[in-house]
Amino acid sequence: MTALSNEDSPVYIRLRATIAAAILRGDYRAGDQLPSVRALAAEHGANPLTVAKAYQSFQDEDYVEVRRGVGMFVLPGAVERLRLAERETFVQHQWPRIRGYIELLGLDLADLMAERV
């Protein structure tokens, strides 16, 4: 899974990307509680089952734990492990497409990095 998604991605992937970005930004740190399924669904206009599916992916990958009757919490070390996983996904799957598009448009990577396009 990846923090970068596009409009063509399934809703749960886009929600997962939103949550992953929030964790990586530090909006949610180790020990912090994530918004409830219902709250996140209402915030994003999504079906609660779709939000639950996005959250389940974080649980399956041991980034969060569920405390029955309390909520979902970010586990210690999750930020670092998530960052490594997202980097690997980016380098293997997204960077080749981005690099190809840069080349197709005749853009200079150094200029892009300096924001002088």
PDB file of N, CA and C in Angstrom:
ATOM      1  N   MET A   1       0.849  -1.187   0.000  1.00  0.00           N
ATOM      2  CA  MET A   1       0.000   0.000   0.000  1.00  0.00           C
ATOM      3  C   MET A   1       0.888   1.242   0.000  1.00  0.00           C
ATOM      4  N   THR A   2       0.329   2.312  -0.397  1.00  0.00           N
ATOM      5  CA  THR A   2       1.138   3.506  -0.540  1.00  0.00           C
ATOM      6  C   THR A   2       0.403   4.759  -0.098  1.00  0.00           C
ATOM      7  N   ALA A   3       1.166   5.701   0.407  1.00  0.00           N
ATOM      8  CA  ALA A   3       0.579   6.971   0.813  1.00  0.00           C
ATOM      9  C   ALA A   3       0.207   7.814  -0.381  1.00  0.00           C
ATOM     10  N   LEU A   4       0.813   7.539  -1.516  1.00  0.00           N
ATOM     11  CA  LEU A   4       0.450   8.262  -2.723  1.00  0.00           C
ATOM     12  C   LEU A   4      -0.611   7.472  -3.454  1.00  0.00           C
ATOM     13  N   SER A   5      -1.723   8.101  -3.681  1.00  0.00           N
ATOM     14  CA  SER A   5      -2.773   7.440  -4.440  1.00  0.00           C
ATOM     15  C   SER A   5      -3.308   8.430  -5.446  1.00  0.00           C
ATOM     16  N   ASN A   6      -4.137   7.930  -6.330  1.00  0.00           N
ATOM     17  CA  ASN A   6      -4.718   8.837  -7.308  1.00  0.00           C
ATOM     18  C   ASN A   6      -6.230   8.683  -7.305  1.00  0.00           C
ATOM     19  N   GLU A   7      -6.861   9.524  -8.079  1.00  0.00           N
ATOM     20  CA  GLU A   7      -8.325   9.549  -8.130  1.00  0.00           C
ATOM     21  C   GLU A   7      -8.906   8.215  -8.602  1.00  0.00           C
ATOM     22  N   ASP A   8      -8.123   7.425  -9.326  1.00  0.00           N
ATOM     23  CA  ASP A   8      -8.608   6.157  -9.851  1.00  0.00           C
ATOM     24  C   ASP A   8      -8.517   5.025  -8.828  1.00  0.00           C
ATOM     25  N   SER A   9      -7.851   5.277  -7.714  1.00  0.00           N
ATOM     26  CA  SER A   9      -7.701   4.252  -6.683  1.00  0.00           C
ATOM     27  C   SER A   9      -9.030   3.997  -5.987  1.00  0.00           C
ATOM     28  N   PRO A  10      -9.239   2.785  -5.504  1.00  0.00           N
ATOM     29  CA  PRO A  10     -10.444   2.523  -4.707  1.00  0.00           C
ATOM     30  C   PRO A  10     -10.484   3.447  -3.481  1.00  0.00           C
ATOM     31  N   VAL A  11     -11.677   3.723  -2.999  1.00  0.00           N
ATOM     32  CA  VAL A  11     -11.850   4.660  -1.880  1.00  0.00           C
ATOM     33  C   VAL A  11     -11.049   4.223  -0.663  1.00  0.00           C
ATOM     34  N   TYR A  12     -11.046   2.928  -0.341  1.00  0.00           N
ATOM     35  CA  TYR A  12     -10.328   2.498   0.855  1.00  0.00           C
ATOM     36  C   TYR A  12      -8.820   2.744   0.712  1.00  0.00           C
ATOM     37  N   ILE A  13      -8.288   2.663  -0.496  1.00  0.00           N
ATOM     38  CA  ILE A  13      -6.871   2.952  -0.728  1.00  0.00           C
ATOM     39  C   ILE A  13      -6.611   4.441  -0.520  1.00  0.00           C
ATOM     40  N   ARG A  14      -7.507   5.289  -1.001  1.00  0.00           N
ATOM     41  CA  ARG A  14      -7.347   6.727  -0.800  1.00  0.00           C
ATOM     42  C   ARG A  14      -7.453   7.088   0.680  1.00  0.00           C
ATOM     43  N   LEU A  15      -8.383   6.443   1.388  1.00  0.00           N
ATOM     44  CA  LEU A  15      -8.495   6.686   2.823  1.00  0.00           C
ATOM     45  C   LEU A  15      -7.247   6.209   3.552  1.00  0.00           C
ATOM     46  N   ARG A  16      -6.749   5.049   3.143  1.00  0.00           N
ATOM     47  CA  ARG A  16      -5.535   4.532   3.760  1.00  0.00           C
ATOM     48  C   ARG A  16      -4.377   5.496   3.542  1.00  0.00           C
ATOM     49  N   ALA A  17      -4.287   6.050   2.349  1.00  0.00           N
ATOM     50  CA  ALA A  17      -3.232   7.012   2.039  1.00  0.00           C
ATOM     51  C   ALA A  17      -3.356   8.255   2.915  1.00  0.00           C
ATOM     52  N   THR A  18      -4.573   8.705   3.142  1.00  0.00           N
ATOM     53  CA  THR A  18      -4.811   9.872   3.993  1.00  0.00           C
ATOM     54  C   THR A  18      -4.359   9.594   5.425  1.00  0.00           C
ATOM     55  N   ILE A  19      -4.712   8.437   5.930  1.00  0.00           N
ATOM     56  CA  ILE A  19      -4.334   8.053   7.292  1.00  0.00           C
ATOM     57  C   ILE A  19      -2.820   7.887   7.387  1.00  0.00           C
ATOM     58  N   ALA A  20      -2.225   7.210   6.404  1.00  0.00           N
ATOM     59  CA  ALA A  20      -0.776   7.009   6.409  1.00  0.00           C
ATOM     60  C   ALA A  20      -0.049   8.350   6.401  1.00  0.00           C
ATOM     61  N   ALA A  21      -0.499   9.268   5.579  1.00  0.00           N
ATOM     62  CA  ALA A  21       0.132  10.594   5.522  1.00  0.00           C
ATOM     63  C   ALA A  21       0.020  11.299   6.869  1.00  0.00           C
ATOM     64  N   ALA A  22      -1.120  11.179   7.528  1.00  0.00           N
ATOM     65  CA  ALA A  22      -1.300  11.808   8.839  1.00  0.00           C
ATOM     66  C   ALA A  22      -0.347  11.211   9.866  1.00  0.00           C
ATOM     67  N   ILE A  23      -0.163   9.903   9.817  1.00  0.00           N
ATOM     68  CA  ILE A  23       0.776   9.250  10.736  1.00  0.00           C
ATOM     69  C   ILE A  23       2.195   9.704  10.432  1.00  0.00           C
ATOM     70  N   LEU A  24       2.565   9.732   9.157  1.00  0.00           N
ATOM     71  CA  LEU A  24       3.923  10.128   8.771  1.00  0.00           C
ATOM     72  C   LEU A  24       4.203  11.598   9.074  1.00  0.00           C
ATOM     73  N   ARG A  25       3.190  12.451   8.993  1.00  0.00           N
ATOM     74  CA  ARG A  25       3.353  13.877   9.338  1.00  0.00           C
ATOM     75  C   ARG A  25       3.483  14.093  10.835  1.00  0.00           C
ATOM     76  N   GLY A  26       3.081  13.098  11.608  1.00  0.00           N
ATOM     77  CA  GLY A  26       3.118  13.247  13.058  1.00  0.00           C
ATOM     78  C   GLY A  26       1.807  13.701  13.655  1.00  0.00           C
ATOM     79  N   ASP A  27       0.749  13.720  12.847  1.00  0.00           N
ATOM     80  CA  ASP A  27      -0.570  14.060  13.386  1.00  0.00           C
ATOM     81  C   ASP A  27      -0.997  13.019  14.420  1.00  0.00           C
ATOM     82  N   TYR A  28      -0.591  11.775  14.198  1.00  0.00           N
ATOM     83  CA  TYR A  28      -0.841  10.687  15.141  1.00  0.00           C
ATOM     84  C   TYR A  28       0.490  10.035  15.448  1.00  0.00           C
ATOM     85  N   ARG A  29       0.860  10.052  16.704  1.00  0.00           N
ATOM     86  CA  ARG A  29       2.137   9.472  17.149  1.00  0.00           C
ATOM     87  C   ARG A  29       1.877   8.154  17.877  1.00  0.00           C
ATOM     88  N   ALA A  30       2.947   7.457  18.206  1.00  0.00           N
ATOM     89  CA  ALA A  30       2.813   6.208  18.948  1.00  0.00           C
ATOM     90  C   ALA A  30       1.978   6.455  20.203  1.00  0.00           C
ATOM     91  N   GLY A  31       0.978   5.622  20.387  1.00  0.00           N
ATOM     92  CA  GLY A  31       0.096   5.739  21.540  1.00  0.00           C
ATOM     93  C   GLY A  31      -1.140   6.580  21.307  1.00  0.00           C
ATOM     94  N   ASP A  32      -1.136   7.354  20.222  1.00  0.00           N
ATOM     95  CA  ASP A  32      -2.300   8.203  19.923  1.00  0.00           C
ATOM     96  C   ASP A  32      -3.448   7.371  19.371  1.00  0.00           C
ATOM     97  N   GLN A  33      -4.652   7.813  19.687  1.00  0.00           N
ATOM     98  CA  GLN A  33      -5.851   7.158  19.183  1.00  0.00           C
ATOM     99  C   GLN A  33      -6.235   7.752  17.839  1.00  0.00           C
ATOM    100  N   LEU A  34      -6.542   6.883  16.896  1.00  0.00           N
ATOM    101  CA  LEU A  34      -7.044   7.324  15.594  1.00  0.00           C
ATOM    102  C   LEU A  34      -8.521   7.674  15.733  1.00  0.00           C
ATOM    103  N   PRO A  35      -9.039   8.503  14.823  1.00  0.00           N
ATOM    104  CA  PRO A  35     -10.472   8.797  14.854  1.00  0.00           C
ATOM    105  C   PRO A  35     -11.286   7.511  14.714  1.00  0.00           C
ATOM    106  N   SER A  36     -12.458   7.503  15.281  1.00  0.00           N
ATOM    107  CA  SER A  36     -13.322   6.329  15.158  1.00  0.00           C
ATOM    108  C   SER A  36     -13.688   6.122  13.692  1.00  0.00           C
ATOM    109  N   VAL A  37     -14.101   4.914  13.393  1.00  0.00           N
ATOM    110  CA  VAL A  37     -14.529   4.594  12.027  1.00  0.00           C
ATOM    111  C   VAL A  37     -15.646   5.534  11.601  1.00  0.00           C
ATOM    112  N   ARG A  38     -16.610   5.727  12.468  1.00  0.00           N
ATOM    113  CA  ARG A  38     -17.746   6.587  12.128  1.00  0.00           C
ATOM    114  C   ARG A  38     -17.322   8.039  11.935  1.00  0.00           C
ATOM    115  N   ALA A  39     -16.438   8.528  12.790  1.00  0.00           N
ATOM    116  CA  ALA A  39     -15.988   9.920  12.671  1.00  0.00           C
ATOM    117  C   ALA A  39     -15.231  10.130  11.368  1.00  0.00           C
ATOM    118  N   LEU A  40     -14.324   9.205  11.027  1.00  0.00           N
ATOM    119  CA  LEU A  40     -13.554   9.344   9.790  1.00  0.00           C
ATOM    120  C   LEU A  40     -14.462   9.205   8.568  1.00  0.00           C
ATOM    121  N   ALA A  41     -15.433   8.302   8.658  1.00  0.00           N
ATOM    122  CA  ALA A  41     -16.382   8.128   7.544  1.00  0.00           C
ATOM    123  C   ALA A  41     -17.167   9.409   7.326  1.00  0.00           C
ATOM    124  N   ALA A  42     -17.637  10.019   8.395  1.00  0.00           N
ATOM    125  CA  ALA A  42     -18.402  11.265   8.274  1.00  0.00           C
ATOM    126  C   ALA A  42     -17.533  12.392   7.728  1.00  0.00           C
ATOM    127  N   GLU A  43     -16.292  12.463   8.200  1.00  0.00           N
ATOM    128  CA  GLU A  43     -15.372  13.514   7.749  1.00  0.00           C
ATOM    129  C   GLU A  43     -15.086  13.426   6.260  1.00  0.00           C
ATOM    130  N   HIS A  44     -15.002  12.207   5.745  1.00  0.00           N
ATOM    131  CA  HIS A  44     -14.629  12.009   4.340  1.00  0.00           C
ATOM    132  C   HIS A  44     -15.810  11.623   3.451  1.00  0.00           C
ATOM    133  N   GLY A  45     -17.005  11.579   4.018  1.00  0.00           N
ATOM    134  CA  GLY A  45     -18.178  11.208   3.236  1.00  0.00           C
ATOM    135  C   GLY A  45     -18.095   9.793   2.700  1.00  0.00           C
ATOM    136  N   ALA A  46     -17.524   8.912   3.497  1.00  0.00           N
ATOM    137  CA  ALA A  46     -17.316   7.526   3.067  1.00  0.00           C
ATOM    138  C   ALA A  46     -18.215   6.584   3.858  1.00  0.00           C
ATOM    139  N   ASN A  47     -18.371   5.392   3.336  1.00  0.00           N
ATOM    140  CA  ASN A  47     -19.093   4.344   4.021  1.00  0.00           C
ATOM    141  C   ASN A  47     -18.236   3.852   5.193  1.00  0.00           C
ATOM    142  N   PRO A  48     -18.807   3.666   6.387  1.00  0.00           N
ATOM    143  CA  PRO A  48     -18.025   3.154   7.518  1.00  0.00           C
ATOM    144  C   PRO A  48     -17.330   1.821   7.232  1.00  0.00           C
ATOM    145  N   LEU A  49     -17.941   0.971   6.415  1.00  0.00           N
ATOM    146  CA  LEU A  49     -17.287  -0.299   6.078  1.00  0.00           C
ATOM    147  C   LEU A  49     -16.015  -0.077   5.261  1.00  0.00           C
ATOM    148  N   THR A  50     -16.017   0.965   4.449  1.00  0.00           N
ATOM    149  CA  THR A  50     -14.838   1.301   3.656  1.00  0.00           C
ATOM    150  C   THR A  50     -13.717   1.803   4.570  1.00  0.00           C
ATOM    151  N   VAL A  51     -14.078   2.626   5.534  1.00  0.00           N
ATOM    152  CA  VAL A  51     -13.097   3.112   6.509  1.00  0.00           C
ATOM    153  C   VAL A  51     -12.551   1.938   7.313  1.00  0.00           C
ATOM    154  N   ALA A  52     -13.440   1.043   7.725  1.00  0.00           N
ATOM    155  CA  ALA A  52     -13.016  -0.133   8.485  1.00  0.00           C
ATOM    156  C   ALA A  52     -12.016  -0.968   7.686  1.00  0.00           C
ATOM    157  N   LYS A  53     -12.232  -1.070   6.385  1.00  0.00           N
ATOM    158  CA  LYS A  53     -11.308  -1.827   5.528  1.00  0.00           C
ATOM    159  C   LYS A  53      -9.942  -1.144   5.482  1.00  0.00           C
ATOM    160  N   ALA A  54      -9.921   0.182   5.394  1.00  0.00           N
ATOM    161  CA  ALA A  54      -8.656   0.922   5.403  1.00  0.00           C
ATOM    162  C   ALA A  54      -7.943   0.720   6.740  1.00  0.00           C
ATOM    163  N   TYR A  55      -8.682   0.843   7.838  1.00  0.00           N
ATOM    164  CA  TYR A  55      -8.096   0.639   9.163  1.00  0.00           C
ATOM    165  C   TYR A  55      -7.590  -0.790   9.337  1.00  0.00           C
ATOM    166  N   GLN A  56      -8.328  -1.752   8.787  1.00  0.00           N
ATOM    167  CA  GLN A  56      -7.924  -3.148   8.915  1.00  0.00           C
ATOM    168  C   GLN A  56      -6.540  -3.378   8.303  1.00  0.00           C
ATOM    169  N   SER A  57      -6.235  -2.671   7.216  1.00  0.00           N
ATOM    170  CA  SER A  57      -4.920  -2.842   6.591  1.00  0.00           C
ATOM    171  C   SER A  57      -3.810  -2.391   7.544  1.00  0.00           C
ATOM    172  N   PHE A  58      -4.057  -1.344   8.324  1.00  0.00           N
ATOM    173  CA  PHE A  58      -3.059  -0.893   9.299  1.00  0.00           C
ATOM    174  C   PHE A  58      -2.924  -1.897  10.439  1.00  0.00           C
ATOM    175  N   GLN A  59      -4.033  -2.483  10.828  1.00  0.00           N
ATOM    176  CA  GLN A  59      -4.010  -3.496  11.872  1.00  0.00           C
ATOM    177  C   GLN A  59      -3.273  -4.740  11.374  1.00  0.00           C
ATOM    178  N   ASP A  60      -3.553  -5.159  10.141  1.00  0.00           N
ATOM    179  CA  ASP A  60      -2.905  -6.338   9.568  1.00  0.00           C
ATOM    180  C   ASP A  60      -1.392  -6.166   9.469  1.00  0.00           C
ATOM    181  N   GLU A  61      -0.957  -4.933   9.258  1.00  0.00           N
ATOM    182  CA  GLU A  61       0.470  -4.653   9.102  1.00  0.00           C
ATOM    183  C   GLU A  61       1.121  -4.234  10.431  1.00  0.00           C
ATOM    184  N   ASP A  62       0.392  -4.369  11.524  1.00  0.00           N
ATOM    185  CA  ASP A  62       0.893  -4.079  12.877  1.00  0.00           C
ATOM    186  C   ASP A  62       1.355  -2.640  13.073  1.00  0.00           C
ATOM    187  N   TYR A  63       0.641  -1.706  12.454  1.00  0.00           N
ATOM    188  CA  TYR A  63       0.899  -0.288  12.698  1.00  0.00           C
ATOM    189  C   TYR A  63      -0.007   0.238  13.796  1.00  0.00           C
ATOM    190  N   VAL A  64      -1.130  -0.423  14.001  1.00  0.00           N
ATOM    191  CA  VAL A  64      -2.095  -0.008  15.019  1.00  0.00           C
ATOM    192  C   VAL A  64      -2.587  -1.234  15.775  1.00  0.00           C
ATOM    193  N   GLU A  65      -3.146  -0.972  16.955  1.00  0.00           N
ATOM    194  CA  GLU A  65      -3.802  -2.036  17.715  1.00  0.00           C
ATOM    195  C   GLU A  65      -5.195  -1.566  18.094  1.00  0.00           C
ATOM    196  N   VAL A  66      -6.099  -2.527  18.181  1.00  0.00           N
ATOM    197  CA  VAL A  66      -7.462  -2.231  18.585  1.00  0.00           C
ATOM    198  C   VAL A  66      -7.595  -2.586  20.058  1.00  0.00           C
ATOM    199  N   ARG A  67      -8.098  -1.631  20.804  1.00  0.00           N
ATOM    200  CA  ARG A  67      -8.432  -1.882  22.209  1.00  0.00           C
ATOM    201  C   ARG A  67      -9.948  -1.931  22.266  1.00  0.00           C
ATOM    202  N   ARG A  68     -10.445  -3.126  22.470  1.00  0.00           N
ATOM    203  CA  ARG A  68     -11.896  -3.350  22.442  1.00  0.00           C
ATOM    204  C   ARG A  68     -12.638  -2.368  23.323  1.00  0.00           C
ATOM    205  N   GLY A  69     -13.627  -1.732  22.708  1.00  0.00           N
ATOM    206  CA  GLY A  69     -14.456  -0.796  23.441  1.00  0.00           C
ATOM    207  C   GLY A  69     -13.831   0.573  23.634  1.00  0.00           C
ATOM    208  N   VAL A  70     -12.580   0.728  23.194  1.00  0.00           N
ATOM    209  CA  VAL A  70     -11.879   2.003  23.384  1.00  0.00           C
ATOM    210  C   VAL A  70     -11.561   2.657  22.048  1.00  0.00           C
ATOM    211  N   GLY A  71     -10.902   1.904  21.159  1.00  0.00           N
ATOM    212  CA  GLY A  71     -10.546   2.463  19.866  1.00  0.00           C
ATOM    213  C   GLY A  71      -9.290   1.855  19.298  1.00  0.00           C
ATOM    214  N   MET A  72      -8.754   2.530  18.297  1.00  0.00           N
ATOM    215  CA  MET A  72      -7.571   2.069  17.580  1.00  0.00           C
ATOM    216  C   MET A  72      -6.416   3.029  17.880  1.00  0.00           C
ATOM    217  N   PHE A  73      -5.246   2.457  18.198  1.00  0.00           N
ATOM    218  CA  PHE A  73      -4.109   3.247  18.640  1.00  0.00           C
ATOM    219  C   PHE A  73      -2.865   2.916  17.827  1.00  0.00           C
ATOM    220  N   VAL A  74      -2.056   3.941  17.550  1.00  0.00           N
ATOM    221  CA  VAL A  74      -0.810   3.772  16.808  1.00  0.00           C
ATOM    222  C   VAL A  74       0.195   3.070  17.711  1.00  0.00           C
ATOM    223  N   LEU A  75       0.812   2.024  17.194  1.00  0.00           N
ATOM    224  CA  LEU A  75       1.785   1.246  17.962  1.00  0.00           C
ATOM    225  C   LEU A  75       3.171   1.900  17.953  1.00  0.00           C
ATOM    226  N   PRO A  76       3.958   1.673  18.996  1.00  0.00           N
ATOM    227  CA  PRO A  76       5.346   2.154  18.992  1.00  0.00           C
ATOM    228  C   PRO A  76       6.101   1.573  17.801  1.00  0.00           C
ATOM    229  N   GLY A  77       6.910   2.392  17.154  1.00  0.00           N
ATOM    230  CA  GLY A  77       7.704   1.966  16.004  1.00  0.00           C
ATOM    231  C   GLY A  77       6.937   1.983  14.691  1.00  0.00           C
ATOM    232  N   ALA A  78       5.624   2.233  14.750  1.00  0.00           N
ATOM    233  CA  ALA A  78       4.809   2.197  13.534  1.00  0.00           C
ATOM    234  C   ALA A  78       5.232   3.262  12.532  1.00  0.00           C
ATOM    235  N   VAL A  79       5.562   4.442  13.008  1.00  0.00           N
ATOM    236  CA  VAL A  79       5.918   5.535  12.092  1.00  0.00           C
ATOM    237  C   VAL A  79       7.151   5.156  11.278  1.00  0.00           C
ATOM    238  N   GLU A  80       8.171   4.654  11.946  1.00  0.00           N
ATOM    239  CA  GLU A  80       9.403   4.294  11.255  1.00  0.00           C
ATOM    240  C   GLU A  80       9.176   3.155  10.267  1.00  0.00           C
ATOM    241  N   ARG A  81       8.425   2.135  10.690  1.00  0.00           N
ATOM    242  CA  ARG A  81       8.159   0.993   9.804  1.00  0.00           C
ATOM    243  C   ARG A  81       7.272   1.398   8.630  1.00  0.00           C
ATOM    244  N   LEU A  82       6.304   2.255   8.893  1.00  0.00           N
ATOM    245  CA  LEU A  82       5.430   2.738   7.820  1.00  0.00           C
ATOM    246  C   LEU A  82       6.220   3.567   6.821  1.00  0.00           C
ATOM    247  N   ARG A  83       7.111   4.436   7.326  1.00  0.00           N
ATOM    248  CA  ARG A  83       7.933   5.258   6.439  1.00  0.00           C
ATOM    249  C   ARG A  83       8.802   4.376   5.538  1.00  0.00           C
ATOM    250  N   LEU A  84       9.418   3.347   6.092  1.00  0.00           N
ATOM    251  CA  LEU A  84      10.241   2.436   5.289  1.00  0.00           C
ATOM    252  C   LEU A  84       9.400   1.724   4.233  1.00  0.00           C
ATOM    253  N   ALA A  85       8.228   1.261   4.614  1.00  0.00           N
ATOM    254  CA  ALA A  85       7.356   0.561   3.662  1.00  0.00           C
ATOM    255  C   ALA A  85       6.893   1.504   2.561  1.00  0.00           C
ATOM    256  N   GLU A  86       6.544   2.733   2.924  1.00  0.00           N
ATOM    257  CA  GLU A  86       6.088   3.699   1.927  1.00  0.00           C
ATOM    258  C   GLU A  86       7.229   4.088   0.983  1.00  0.00           C
ATOM    259  N   ARG A  87       8.431   4.230   1.519  1.00  0.00           N
ATOM    260  CA  ARG A  87       9.590   4.536   0.662  1.00  0.00           C
ATOM    261  C   ARG A  87       9.817   3.423  -0.357  1.00  0.00           C
ATOM    262  N   GLU A  88       9.771   2.183   0.123  1.00  0.00           N
ATOM    263  CA  GLU A  88       9.997   1.050  -0.770  1.00  0.00           C
ATOM    264  C   GLU A  88       8.935   0.999  -1.868  1.00  0.00           C
ATOM    265  N   THR A  89       7.697   1.203  -1.496  1.00  0.00           N
ATOM    266  CA  THR A  89       6.607   1.207  -2.478  1.00  0.00           C
ATOM    267  C   THR A  89       6.798   2.330  -3.482  1.00  0.00           C
ATOM    268  N   PHE A  90       7.168   3.504  -3.001  1.00  0.00           N
ATOM    269  CA  PHE A  90       7.380   4.642  -3.893  1.00  0.00           C
ATOM    270  C   PHE A  90       8.490   4.349  -4.892  1.00  0.00           C
ATOM    271  N   VAL A  91       9.633   3.888  -4.388  1.00  0.00           N
ATOM    272  CA  VAL A  91      10.792   3.654  -5.257  1.00  0.00           C
ATOM    273  C   VAL A  91      10.511   2.543  -6.268  1.00  0.00           C
ATOM    274  N   GLN A  92       9.815   1.504  -5.865  1.00  0.00           N
ATOM    275  CA  GLN A  92       9.577   0.372  -6.759  1.00  0.00           C
ATOM    276  C   GLN A  92       8.416   0.585  -7.725  1.00  0.00           C
ATOM    277  N   HIS A  93       7.375   1.286  -7.283  1.00  0.00           N
ATOM    278  CA  HIS A  93       6.164   1.333  -8.099  1.00  0.00           C
ATOM    279  C   HIS A  93       5.835   2.707  -8.663  1.00  0.00           C
ATOM    280  N   GLN A  94       6.064   3.739  -7.897  1.00  0.00           N
ATOM    281  CA  GLN A  94       5.635   5.054  -8.368  1.00  0.00           C
ATOM    282  C   GLN A  94       6.752   5.850  -9.030  1.00  0.00           C
ATOM    283  N   TRP A  95       7.936   5.785  -8.474  1.00  0.00           N
ATOM    284  CA  TRP A  95       9.035   6.550  -9.051  1.00  0.00           C
ATOM    285  C   TRP A  95       9.278   6.202 -10.520  1.00  0.00           C
ATOM    286  N   PRO A  96       9.273   4.939 -10.930  1.00  0.00           N
ATOM    287  CA  PRO A  96       9.485   4.654 -12.358  1.00  0.00           C
ATOM    288  C   PRO A  96       8.462   5.354 -13.263  1.00  0.00           C
ATOM    289  N   ARG A  97       7.189   5.386 -12.834  1.00  0.00           N
ATOM    290  CA  ARG A  97       6.171   6.082 -13.645  1.00  0.00           C
ATOM    291  C   ARG A  97       6.403   7.593 -13.635  1.00  0.00           C
ATOM    292  N   ILE A  98       6.750   8.134 -12.490  1.00  0.00           N
ATOM    293  CA  ILE A  98       7.002   9.573 -12.387  1.00  0.00           C
ATOM    294  C   ILE A  98       8.221   9.951 -13.219  1.00  0.00           C
ATOM    295  N   ARG A  99       9.291   9.155 -13.099  1.00  0.00           N
ATOM    296  CA  ARG A  99      10.499   9.415 -13.870  1.00  0.00           C
ATOM    297  C   ARG A  99      10.205   9.357 -15.368  1.00  0.00           C
ATOM    298  N   GLY A 100       9.410   8.373 -15.775  1.00  0.00           N
ATOM    299  CA  GLY A 100       9.056   8.264 -17.181  1.00  0.00           C
ATOM    300  C   GLY A 100       8.268   9.468 -17.663  1.00  0.00           C
ATOM    301  N   TYR A 101       7.381   9.977 -16.833  1.00  0.00           N
ATOM    302  CA  TYR A 101       6.593  11.151 -17.199  1.00  0.00           C
ATOM    303  C   TYR A 101       7.475  12.392 -17.274  1.00  0.00           C
ATOM    304  N   ILE A 102       8.424  12.511 -16.366  1.00  0.00           N
ATOM    305  CA  ILE A 102       9.382  13.619 -16.390  1.00  0.00           C
ATOM    306  C   ILE A 102      10.158  13.594 -17.707  1.00  0.00           C
ATOM    307  N   GLU A 103      10.612  12.409 -18.081  1.00  0.00           N
ATOM    308  CA  GLU A 103      11.359  12.274 -19.331  1.00  0.00           C
ATOM    309  C   GLU A 103      10.475  12.568 -20.539  1.00  0.00           C
ATOM    310  N   LEU A 104       9.252  12.082 -20.519  1.00  0.00           N
ATOM    311  CA  LEU A 104       8.311  12.306 -21.610  1.00  0.00           C
ATOM    312  C   LEU A 104       8.071  13.806 -21.836  1.00  0.00           C
ATOM    313  N   LEU A 105       7.993  14.563 -20.742  1.00  0.00           N
ATOM    314  CA  LEU A 105       7.746  15.997 -20.837  1.00  0.00           C
ATOM    315  C   LEU A 105       9.016  16.813 -21.070  1.00  0.00           C
ATOM    316  N   GLY A 106      10.163  16.139 -21.059  1.00  0.00           N
ATOM    317  CA  GLY A 106      11.424  16.836 -21.279  1.00  0.00           C
ATOM    318  C   GLY A 106      11.804  17.763 -20.133  1.00  0.00           C
ATOM    319  N   LEU A 107      11.379  17.405 -18.939  1.00  0.00           N
ATOM    320  CA  LEU A 107      11.703  18.221 -17.773  1.00  0.00           C
ATOM    321  C   LEU A 107      13.076  17.846 -17.244  1.00  0.00           C
ATOM    322  N   ASP A 108      13.731  18.797 -16.622  1.00  0.00           N
ATOM    323  CA  ASP A 108      15.034  18.566 -16.018  1.00  0.00           C
ATOM    324  C   ASP A 108      14.837  18.317 -14.529  1.00  0.00           C
ATOM    325  N   LEU A 109      15.313  17.169 -14.043  1.00  0.00           N
ATOM    326  CA  LEU A 109      15.129  16.798 -12.651  1.00  0.00           C
ATOM    327  C   LEU A 109      15.753  17.819 -11.708  1.00  0.00           C
ATOM    328  N   ALA A 110      16.908  18.331 -12.045  1.00  0.00           N
ATOM    329  CA  ALA A 110      17.563  19.332 -11.187  1.00  0.00           C
ATOM    330  C   ALA A 110      16.704  20.586 -11.070  1.00  0.00           C
ATOM    331  N   ASP A 111      16.101  21.003 -12.191  1.00  0.00           N
ATOM    332  CA  ASP A 111      15.202  22.171 -12.145  1.00  0.00           C
ATOM    333  C   ASP A 111      13.964  21.878 -11.286  1.00  0.00           C
ATOM    334  N   LEU A 112      13.438  20.677 -11.442  1.00  0.00           N
ATOM    335  CA  LEU A 112      12.276  20.309 -10.632  1.00  0.00           C
ATOM    336  C   LEU A 112      12.616  20.339  -9.152  1.00  0.00           C
ATOM    337  N   MET A 113      13.763  19.797  -8.817  1.00  0.00           N
ATOM    338  CA  MET A 113      14.177  19.765  -7.420  1.00  0.00           C
ATOM    339  C   MET A 113      14.409  21.166  -6.867  1.00  0.00           C
ATOM    340  N   ALA A 114      14.817  22.077  -7.731  1.00  0.00           N
ATOM    341  CA  ALA A 114      15.045  23.465  -7.312  1.00  0.00           C
ATOM    342  C   ALA A 114      13.771  24.299  -7.455  1.00  0.00           C
ATOM    343  N   GLU A 115      12.691  23.674  -7.974  1.00  0.00           N
ATOM    344  CA  GLU A 115      11.401  24.329  -8.193  1.00  0.00           C
ATOM    345  C   GLU A 115      11.515  25.526  -9.126  1.00  0.00           C
ATOM    346  N   ARG A 116      12.263  25.336 -10.229  1.00  0.00           N
ATOM    347  CA  ARG A 116      12.449  26.419 -11.203  1.00  0.00           C
ATOM    348  C   ARG A 116      11.850  26.069 -12.553  1.00  0.00           C
ATOM    349  N   VAL A 117      10.839  25.260 -12.581  1.00  0.00           N
ATOM    350  CA  VAL A 117      10.261  24.830 -13.861  1.00  0.00           C
ATOM    351  C   VAL A 117       9.551  25.993 -14.516  1.00  0.00           C
TER     352      VAL A 117
END
